[in-house]
Amino acid sequence: MFENMLRVLLLADTLNVSANADRLAALDFICIYGKKCKVLDKNLHGDNEFGFAEFANKREKITEAIKLSVRNDFVNVEHTAQGFLYSINDRGRSVVQNIQSPYARSYVVGAKIVCRRFSDYSDDGILQYISDKATEAKEA
């Protein structure tokens, strides 16, 4: 749970705009499985044949990590007509600045590429992209 929360903070800081839980979960998944999603040159969590099958479970874990981030006052939550949107706050940025590890640096490098690549996609568009890649990989 703690690792997922730290990734949410790294991603929210990189994204630098409010996002809903679906978008955060989808972008995080692509950051982790960037090669499998044909966006990055490697999978941060290694290669395995069941990456796409993990998406539903990862989505649930990211939702819990967002809740933990909100409870710890690292993330602001805003209720909008489109649902709840989350954004990193100063306290969360302070945590991010103190995360110094090769993993975190690799994650942020990938997150910058992923966030840029999908900036014009709708939330549903990103989810559809993942679904399409799963189908292509015959994991769906």
N, C-alpha and C. Protein backbone atom coordinates (compact mmCIF):
# COMPACT_ATOMS: atom_id res chain seq x y z
N MET A 1 0.83 -1.20 0.00
CA MET A 1 0.00 0.00 0.00
C MET A 1 0.87 1.26 0.00
N PHE A 2 1.91 1.26 0.84
CA PHE A 2 2.79 2.42 0.96
C PHE A 2 3.50 2.69 -0.37
N GLU A 3 3.99 1.63 -1.02
CA GLU A 3 4.67 1.79 -2.32
C GLU A 3 3.72 2.39 -3.34
N ASN A 4 2.48 1.92 -3.36
CA ASN A 4 1.48 2.45 -4.29
C ASN A 4 1.22 3.93 -4.01
N MET A 5 1.15 4.30 -2.73
CA MET A 5 0.92 5.69 -2.37
C MET A 5 2.09 6.56 -2.86
N LEU A 6 3.30 6.08 -2.70
CA LEU A 6 4.45 6.86 -3.16
C LEU A 6 4.42 7.04 -4.68
N ARG A 7 4.03 5.99 -5.40
CA ARG A 7 3.91 6.11 -6.86
C ARG A 7 2.82 7.11 -7.23
N VAL A 8 1.70 7.08 -6.51
CA VAL A 8 0.63 8.05 -6.77
C VAL A 8 1.15 9.47 -6.58
N LEU A 9 1.93 9.68 -5.53
CA LEU A 9 2.49 11.01 -5.29
C LEU A 9 3.47 11.42 -6.39
N LEU A 10 4.35 10.50 -6.79
CA LEU A 10 5.28 10.79 -7.87
C LEU A 10 4.53 11.11 -9.17
N LEU A 11 3.49 10.33 -9.45
CA LEU A 11 2.71 10.54 -10.67
C LEU A 11 1.94 11.86 -10.60
N ALA A 12 1.28 12.12 -9.49
CA ALA A 12 0.50 13.36 -9.34
C ALA A 12 1.41 14.58 -9.46
N ASP A 13 2.61 14.48 -8.92
CA ASP A 13 3.56 15.59 -9.01
C ASP A 13 4.01 15.79 -10.46
N THR A 14 4.24 14.71 -11.17
CA THR A 14 4.66 14.79 -12.57
C THR A 14 3.53 15.28 -13.45
N LEU A 15 2.33 14.79 -13.21
CA LEU A 15 1.15 15.15 -13.99
C LEU A 15 0.83 16.63 -13.82
N ASN A 16 0.89 17.09 -12.59
CA ASN A 16 0.71 18.50 -12.24
C ASN A 16 -0.65 19.09 -12.64
N VAL A 17 -1.66 18.26 -12.81
CA VAL A 17 -3.05 18.69 -12.99
C VAL A 17 -3.93 17.71 -12.22
N SER A 18 -5.11 18.15 -11.87
CA SER A 18 -6.04 17.26 -11.16
C SER A 18 -6.43 16.10 -12.07
N ALA A 19 -6.63 14.93 -11.45
CA ALA A 19 -7.03 13.75 -12.21
C ALA A 19 -7.91 12.87 -11.33
N ASN A 20 -8.75 12.07 -11.97
CA ASN A 20 -9.58 11.15 -11.20
C ASN A 20 -8.81 9.85 -10.97
N ALA A 21 -9.39 8.98 -10.17
CA ALA A 21 -8.72 7.73 -9.80
C ALA A 21 -8.47 6.84 -11.02
N ASP A 22 -9.41 6.80 -11.96
CA ASP A 22 -9.23 5.97 -13.17
C ASP A 22 -8.02 6.43 -13.96
N ARG A 23 -7.88 7.73 -14.13
CA ARG A 23 -6.75 8.26 -14.91
C ARG A 23 -5.43 7.96 -14.19
N LEU A 24 -5.40 8.20 -12.88
CA LEU A 24 -4.18 7.93 -12.12
C LEU A 24 -3.82 6.45 -12.20
N ALA A 25 -4.80 5.57 -12.06
CA ALA A 25 -4.53 4.13 -12.11
C ALA A 25 -4.04 3.72 -13.50
N ALA A 26 -4.66 4.24 -14.55
CA ALA A 26 -4.27 3.88 -15.91
C ALA A 26 -2.86 4.39 -16.23
N LEU A 27 -2.58 5.64 -15.87
CA LEU A 27 -1.25 6.19 -16.13
C LEU A 27 -0.18 5.45 -15.32
N ASP A 28 -0.50 5.12 -14.08
CA ASP A 28 0.45 4.36 -13.25
C ASP A 28 0.72 3.00 -13.88
N PHE A 29 -0.31 2.34 -14.36
CA PHE A 29 -0.15 1.04 -15.00
C PHE A 29 0.78 1.15 -16.21
N ILE A 30 0.57 2.18 -17.02
CA ILE A 30 1.40 2.36 -18.21
C ILE A 30 2.84 2.69 -17.79
N CYS A 31 3.01 3.45 -16.72
CA CYS A 31 4.37 3.74 -16.23
C CYS A 31 5.08 2.45 -15.82
N ILE A 32 4.36 1.55 -15.19
CA ILE A 32 4.95 0.28 -14.73
C ILE A 32 5.18 -0.68 -15.88
N TYR A 33 4.22 -0.76 -16.79
CA TYR A 33 4.30 -1.69 -17.91
C TYR A 33 4.45 -0.93 -19.23
N GLY A 34 5.36 0.01 -19.25
CA GLY A 34 5.57 0.87 -20.41
C GLY A 34 5.94 0.14 -21.69
N LYS A 35 6.77 -0.88 -21.58
CA LYS A 35 7.16 -1.65 -22.77
C LYS A 35 5.99 -2.47 -23.28
N LYS A 36 5.30 -3.11 -22.36
CA LYS A 36 4.13 -3.93 -22.72
C LYS A 36 3.05 -3.07 -23.39
N CYS A 37 2.96 -1.79 -22.93
CA CYS A 37 1.97 -0.86 -23.49
C CYS A 37 2.51 -0.11 -24.71
N LYS A 38 3.73 -0.46 -25.12
CA LYS A 38 4.36 0.13 -26.31
C LYS A 38 4.53 1.65 -26.20
N VAL A 39 4.92 2.10 -25.00
CA VAL A 39 5.15 3.52 -24.77
C VAL A 39 6.58 3.77 -24.31
N LEU A 40 7.13 2.87 -23.50
CA LEU A 40 8.49 2.99 -22.97
C LEU A 40 9.33 1.80 -23.44
N ASP A 41 10.63 1.87 -23.20
CA ASP A 41 11.50 0.80 -23.68
C ASP A 41 11.68 -0.34 -22.67
N LYS A 42 11.09 -0.20 -21.47
CA LYS A 42 11.17 -1.31 -20.51
C LYS A 42 9.96 -1.29 -19.58
N ASN A 43 9.74 -2.44 -18.95
CA ASN A 43 8.71 -2.56 -17.93
C ASN A 43 9.40 -2.37 -16.58
N LEU A 44 8.99 -1.38 -15.84
CA LEU A 44 9.64 -1.05 -14.57
C LEU A 44 9.61 -2.21 -13.58
N HIS A 45 8.55 -3.02 -13.63
CA HIS A 45 8.43 -4.17 -12.72
C HIS A 45 8.82 -5.47 -13.41
N GLY A 46 9.59 -5.37 -14.48
CA GLY A 46 10.06 -6.57 -15.16
C GLY A 46 9.06 -7.11 -16.16
N ASP A 47 9.50 -8.07 -16.92
CA ASP A 47 8.66 -8.68 -17.95
C ASP A 47 7.91 -9.86 -17.36
N ASN A 48 6.63 -9.93 -17.66
CA ASN A 48 5.85 -11.12 -17.33
C ASN A 48 4.68 -11.20 -18.30
N GLU A 49 4.16 -12.39 -18.45
CA GLU A 49 3.10 -12.58 -19.45
C GLU A 49 1.72 -12.19 -18.97
N PHE A 50 1.59 -11.80 -17.70
CA PHE A 50 0.25 -11.51 -17.15
C PHE A 50 0.06 -10.05 -16.78
N GLY A 51 0.88 -9.15 -17.28
CA GLY A 51 0.81 -7.74 -16.91
C GLY A 51 -0.57 -7.14 -17.05
N PHE A 52 -1.21 -7.36 -18.20
CA PHE A 52 -2.53 -6.76 -18.42
C PHE A 52 -3.58 -7.37 -17.49
N ALA A 53 -3.41 -8.62 -17.14
CA ALA A 53 -4.36 -9.28 -16.24
C ALA A 53 -4.33 -8.64 -14.85
N GLU A 54 -3.23 -7.98 -14.52
CA GLU A 54 -3.09 -7.33 -13.22
C GLU A 54 -3.81 -5.99 -13.14
N PHE A 55 -4.27 -5.46 -14.28
CA PHE A 55 -4.78 -4.09 -14.28
C PHE A 55 -5.94 -3.88 -13.31
N ALA A 56 -6.92 -4.76 -13.29
CA ALA A 56 -8.07 -4.58 -12.40
C ALA A 56 -7.62 -4.53 -10.94
N ASN A 57 -6.72 -5.41 -10.57
CA ASN A 57 -6.21 -5.44 -9.21
C ASN A 57 -5.40 -4.17 -8.90
N LYS A 58 -4.57 -3.75 -9.85
CA LYS A 58 -3.76 -2.54 -9.65
C LYS A 58 -4.66 -1.32 -9.50
N ARG A 59 -5.73 -1.28 -10.26
CA ARG A 59 -6.67 -0.16 -10.20
C ARG A 59 -7.25 -0.04 -8.79
N GLU A 60 -7.62 -1.17 -8.23
CA GLU A 60 -8.16 -1.21 -6.86
C GLU A 60 -7.11 -0.74 -5.85
N LYS A 61 -5.88 -1.19 -6.02
CA LYS A 61 -4.80 -0.81 -5.10
C LYS A 61 -4.47 0.68 -5.20
N ILE A 62 -4.54 1.22 -6.40
CA ILE A 62 -4.27 2.66 -6.58
C ILE A 62 -5.39 3.48 -5.94
N THR A 63 -6.62 3.02 -6.05
CA THR A 63 -7.74 3.71 -5.39
C THR A 63 -7.51 3.75 -3.88
N GLU A 64 -7.06 2.65 -3.31
CA GLU A 64 -6.76 2.63 -1.86
C GLU A 64 -5.58 3.54 -1.55
N ALA A 65 -4.58 3.57 -2.41
CA ALA A 65 -3.42 4.43 -2.20
C ALA A 65 -3.81 5.91 -2.27
N ILE A 66 -4.75 6.25 -3.14
CA ILE A 66 -5.23 7.63 -3.22
C ILE A 66 -5.92 8.00 -1.91
N LYS A 67 -6.75 7.10 -1.40
CA LYS A 67 -7.44 7.35 -0.13
C LYS A 67 -6.42 7.58 0.99
N LEU A 68 -5.37 6.76 1.02
CA LEU A 68 -4.32 6.91 2.02
C LEU A 68 -3.61 8.26 1.86
N SER A 69 -3.39 8.67 0.63
CA SER A 69 -2.76 9.97 0.36
C SER A 69 -3.63 11.13 0.85
N VAL A 70 -4.93 10.99 0.66
CA VAL A 70 -5.87 12.02 1.13
C VAL A 70 -5.89 12.06 2.66
N ARG A 71 -5.96 10.88 3.28
CA ARG A 71 -5.98 10.81 4.76
C ARG A 71 -4.71 11.41 5.37
N ASN A 72 -3.59 11.24 4.68
CA ASN A 72 -2.32 11.78 5.18
C ASN A 72 -2.08 13.22 4.75
N ASP A 73 -3.07 13.81 4.09
CA ASP A 73 -3.00 15.20 3.63
C ASP A 73 -1.82 15.44 2.69
N PHE A 74 -1.60 14.50 1.76
CA PHE A 74 -0.58 14.66 0.73
C PHE A 74 -1.23 15.07 -0.59
N VAL A 75 -2.54 14.85 -0.68
CA VAL A 75 -3.28 15.07 -1.91
C VAL A 75 -4.57 15.81 -1.56
N ASN A 76 -4.92 16.78 -2.41
CA ASN A 76 -6.19 17.48 -2.26
C ASN A 76 -7.24 16.76 -3.08
N VAL A 77 -8.47 16.77 -2.57
CA VAL A 77 -9.57 16.16 -3.30
C VAL A 77 -10.61 17.24 -3.58
N GLU A 78 -11.12 17.21 -4.80
CA GLU A 78 -12.10 18.21 -5.22
C GLU A 78 -13.29 17.46 -5.82
N HIS A 79 -14.48 17.80 -5.35
CA HIS A 79 -15.69 17.18 -5.90
C HIS A 79 -16.19 18.04 -7.05
N THR A 80 -16.26 17.45 -8.24
CA THR A 80 -16.70 18.19 -9.43
C THR A 80 -17.87 17.45 -10.07
N ALA A 81 -18.41 18.04 -11.10
CA ALA A 81 -19.50 17.40 -11.85
C ALA A 81 -19.02 16.10 -12.49
N GLN A 82 -17.70 16.00 -12.75
CA GLN A 82 -17.14 14.78 -13.34
C GLN A 82 -16.72 13.77 -12.27
N GLY A 83 -16.96 14.06 -11.00
CA GLY A 83 -16.57 13.16 -9.92
C GLY A 83 -15.43 13.76 -9.11
N PHE A 84 -14.75 12.92 -8.36
CA PHE A 84 -13.66 13.38 -7.51
C PHE A 84 -12.38 13.50 -8.33
N LEU A 85 -11.70 14.63 -8.14
CA LEU A 85 -10.41 14.86 -8.79
C LEU A 85 -9.36 15.06 -7.70
N TYR A 86 -8.18 14.55 -7.95
CA TYR A 86 -7.10 14.57 -6.96
C TYR A 86 -5.90 15.33 -7.51
N SER A 87 -5.25 16.09 -6.63
CA SER A 87 -4.03 16.80 -7.02
C SER A 87 -3.09 16.84 -5.82
N ILE A 88 -1.81 16.80 -6.11
CA ILE A 88 -0.81 16.82 -5.06
C ILE A 88 -0.79 18.21 -4.43
N ASN A 89 -0.55 18.27 -3.12
CA ASN A 89 -0.44 19.55 -2.44
C ASN A 89 1.01 19.75 -1.98
N ASP A 90 1.27 20.86 -1.28
CA ASP A 90 2.64 21.16 -0.86
C ASP A 90 3.22 20.09 0.06
N ARG A 91 2.38 19.56 0.93
CA ARG A 91 2.85 18.49 1.84
C ARG A 91 3.26 17.25 1.04
N GLY A 92 2.47 16.91 0.02
CA GLY A 92 2.80 15.77 -0.86
C GLY A 92 4.06 16.03 -1.66
N ARG A 93 4.22 17.27 -2.14
CA ARG A 93 5.44 17.63 -2.90
C ARG A 93 6.67 17.49 -2.02
N SER A 94 6.52 17.82 -0.75
CA SER A 94 7.64 17.70 0.18
C SER A 94 8.06 16.24 0.32
N VAL A 95 7.08 15.34 0.35
CA VAL A 95 7.39 13.90 0.40
C VAL A 95 8.13 13.49 -0.87
N VAL A 96 7.62 13.93 -2.02
CA VAL A 96 8.23 13.58 -3.31
C VAL A 96 9.68 14.06 -3.36
N GLN A 97 9.93 15.25 -2.88
CA GLN A 97 11.30 15.79 -2.92
C GLN A 97 12.26 14.96 -2.09
N ASN A 98 11.74 14.25 -1.08
CA ASN A 98 12.58 13.44 -0.21
C ASN A 98 12.72 11.99 -0.66
N ILE A 99 12.05 11.62 -1.73
CA ILE A 99 12.17 10.26 -2.25
C ILE A 99 13.37 10.22 -3.18
N GLN A 100 14.43 9.62 -2.73
CA GLN A 100 15.66 9.54 -3.53
C GLN A 100 16.02 8.07 -3.70
N SER A 101 15.64 7.50 -4.82
CA SER A 101 16.01 6.11 -5.10
C SER A 101 16.09 5.94 -6.61
N PRO A 102 16.87 4.98 -7.06
CA PRO A 102 16.92 4.70 -8.50
C PRO A 102 15.53 4.36 -9.06
N TYR A 103 14.74 3.61 -8.29
CA TYR A 103 13.39 3.25 -8.73
C TYR A 103 12.55 4.50 -8.95
N ALA A 104 12.56 5.42 -7.97
CA ALA A 104 11.77 6.64 -8.07
C ALA A 104 12.21 7.48 -9.27
N ARG A 105 13.51 7.56 -9.49
CA ARG A 105 14.02 8.34 -10.64
C ARG A 105 13.56 7.70 -11.96
N SER A 106 13.64 6.38 -12.04
CA SER A 106 13.18 5.67 -13.25
C SER A 106 11.68 5.87 -13.46
N TYR A 107 10.93 5.79 -12.36
CA TYR A 107 9.48 5.96 -12.45
C TYR A 107 9.15 7.36 -12.99
N VAL A 108 9.80 8.38 -12.45
CA VAL A 108 9.52 9.76 -12.87
C VAL A 108 9.90 9.99 -14.33
N VAL A 109 11.02 9.44 -14.76
CA VAL A 109 11.41 9.57 -16.17
C VAL A 109 10.31 8.98 -17.05
N GLY A 110 9.86 7.77 -16.71
CA GLY A 110 8.77 7.14 -17.47
C GLY A 110 7.47 7.92 -17.36
N ALA A 111 7.17 8.42 -16.17
CA ALA A 111 5.92 9.17 -15.95
C ALA A 111 5.87 10.44 -16.80
N LYS A 112 7.01 11.10 -16.97
CA LYS A 112 7.04 12.31 -17.80
C LYS A 112 6.68 11.96 -19.24
N ILE A 113 7.22 10.87 -19.75
CA ILE A 113 6.93 10.44 -21.12
C ILE A 113 5.47 10.02 -21.24
N VAL A 114 5.00 9.24 -20.28
CA VAL A 114 3.61 8.74 -20.30
C VAL A 114 2.62 9.89 -20.18
N CYS A 115 2.85 10.81 -19.27
CA CYS A 115 1.93 11.94 -19.08
C CYS A 115 1.86 12.81 -20.34
N ARG A 116 3.00 13.03 -20.96
CA ARG A 116 3.03 13.81 -22.20
C ARG A 116 2.29 13.06 -23.32
N ARG A 117 2.56 11.77 -23.43
CA ARG A 117 1.97 10.95 -24.49
C ARG A 117 0.45 10.91 -24.42
N PHE A 118 -0.10 10.90 -23.20
CA PHE A 118 -1.54 10.73 -23.03
C PHE A 118 -2.25 12.01 -22.59
N SER A 119 -1.57 13.15 -22.70
CA SER A 119 -2.17 14.40 -22.23
C SER A 119 -3.45 14.77 -22.99
N ASP A 120 -3.54 14.39 -24.25
CA ASP A 120 -4.73 14.72 -25.04
C ASP A 120 -5.79 13.62 -25.04
N TYR A 121 -5.52 12.54 -24.33
CA TYR A 121 -6.48 11.44 -24.25
C TYR A 121 -7.50 11.71 -23.15
N SER A 122 -8.73 11.31 -23.38
CA SER A 122 -9.73 11.34 -22.32
C SER A 122 -9.43 10.19 -21.36
N ASP A 123 -10.06 10.19 -20.20
CA ASP A 123 -9.87 9.09 -19.25
C ASP A 123 -10.28 7.77 -19.91
N ASP A 124 -11.43 7.78 -20.57
CA ASP A 124 -11.89 6.57 -21.26
C ASP A 124 -10.94 6.18 -22.38
N GLY A 125 -10.34 7.17 -23.02
CA GLY A 125 -9.40 6.91 -24.10
C GLY A 125 -8.16 6.16 -23.62
N ILE A 126 -7.68 6.53 -22.43
CA ILE A 126 -6.50 5.84 -21.87
C ILE A 126 -6.87 4.41 -21.50
N LEU A 127 -8.04 4.23 -20.89
CA LEU A 127 -8.49 2.89 -20.53
C LEU A 127 -8.67 2.03 -21.78
N GLN A 128 -9.19 2.64 -22.85
CA GLN A 128 -9.37 1.92 -24.11
C GLN A 128 -8.02 1.55 -24.71
N TYR A 129 -7.04 2.43 -24.59
CA TYR A 129 -5.69 2.15 -25.08
C TYR A 129 -5.13 0.90 -24.39
N ILE A 130 -5.28 0.83 -23.07
CA ILE A 130 -4.80 -0.33 -22.31
C ILE A 130 -5.54 -1.59 -22.77
N SER A 131 -6.84 -1.47 -22.93
CA SER A 131 -7.65 -2.61 -23.37
C SER A 131 -7.20 -3.08 -24.77
N ASP A 132 -6.95 -2.13 -25.65
CA ASP A 132 -6.51 -2.49 -27.01
C ASP A 132 -5.16 -3.20 -26.97
N LYS A 133 -4.24 -2.72 -26.15
CA LYS A 133 -2.91 -3.35 -26.05
C LYS A 133 -3.04 -4.75 -25.44
N ALA A 134 -3.95 -4.93 -24.50
CA ALA A 134 -4.18 -6.26 -23.91
C ALA A 134 -4.70 -7.22 -24.98
N THR A 135 -5.61 -6.73 -25.80
CA THR A 135 -6.17 -7.56 -26.86
C THR A 135 -5.08 -7.93 -27.86
N GLU A 136 -4.25 -6.96 -28.24
CA GLU A 136 -3.15 -7.23 -29.17
C GLU A 136 -2.20 -8.28 -28.60
N ALA A 137 -2.00 -8.21 -27.29
CA ALA A 137 -1.08 -9.16 -26.63
C ALA A 137 -1.77 -10.48 -26.34
N LYS A 138 -3.05 -10.56 -26.65
CA LYS A 138 -3.86 -11.77 -26.43
C LYS A 138 -3.92 -12.16 -24.96
N GLU A 139 -3.91 -11.13 -24.10
CA GLU A 139 -4.03 -11.38 -22.66
C GLU A 139 -5.44 -11.11 -22.17
N ALA A 140 -6.26 -10.48 -23.00
CA ALA A 140 -7.59 -10.08 -22.56
C ALA A 140 -8.50 -11.29 -22.42
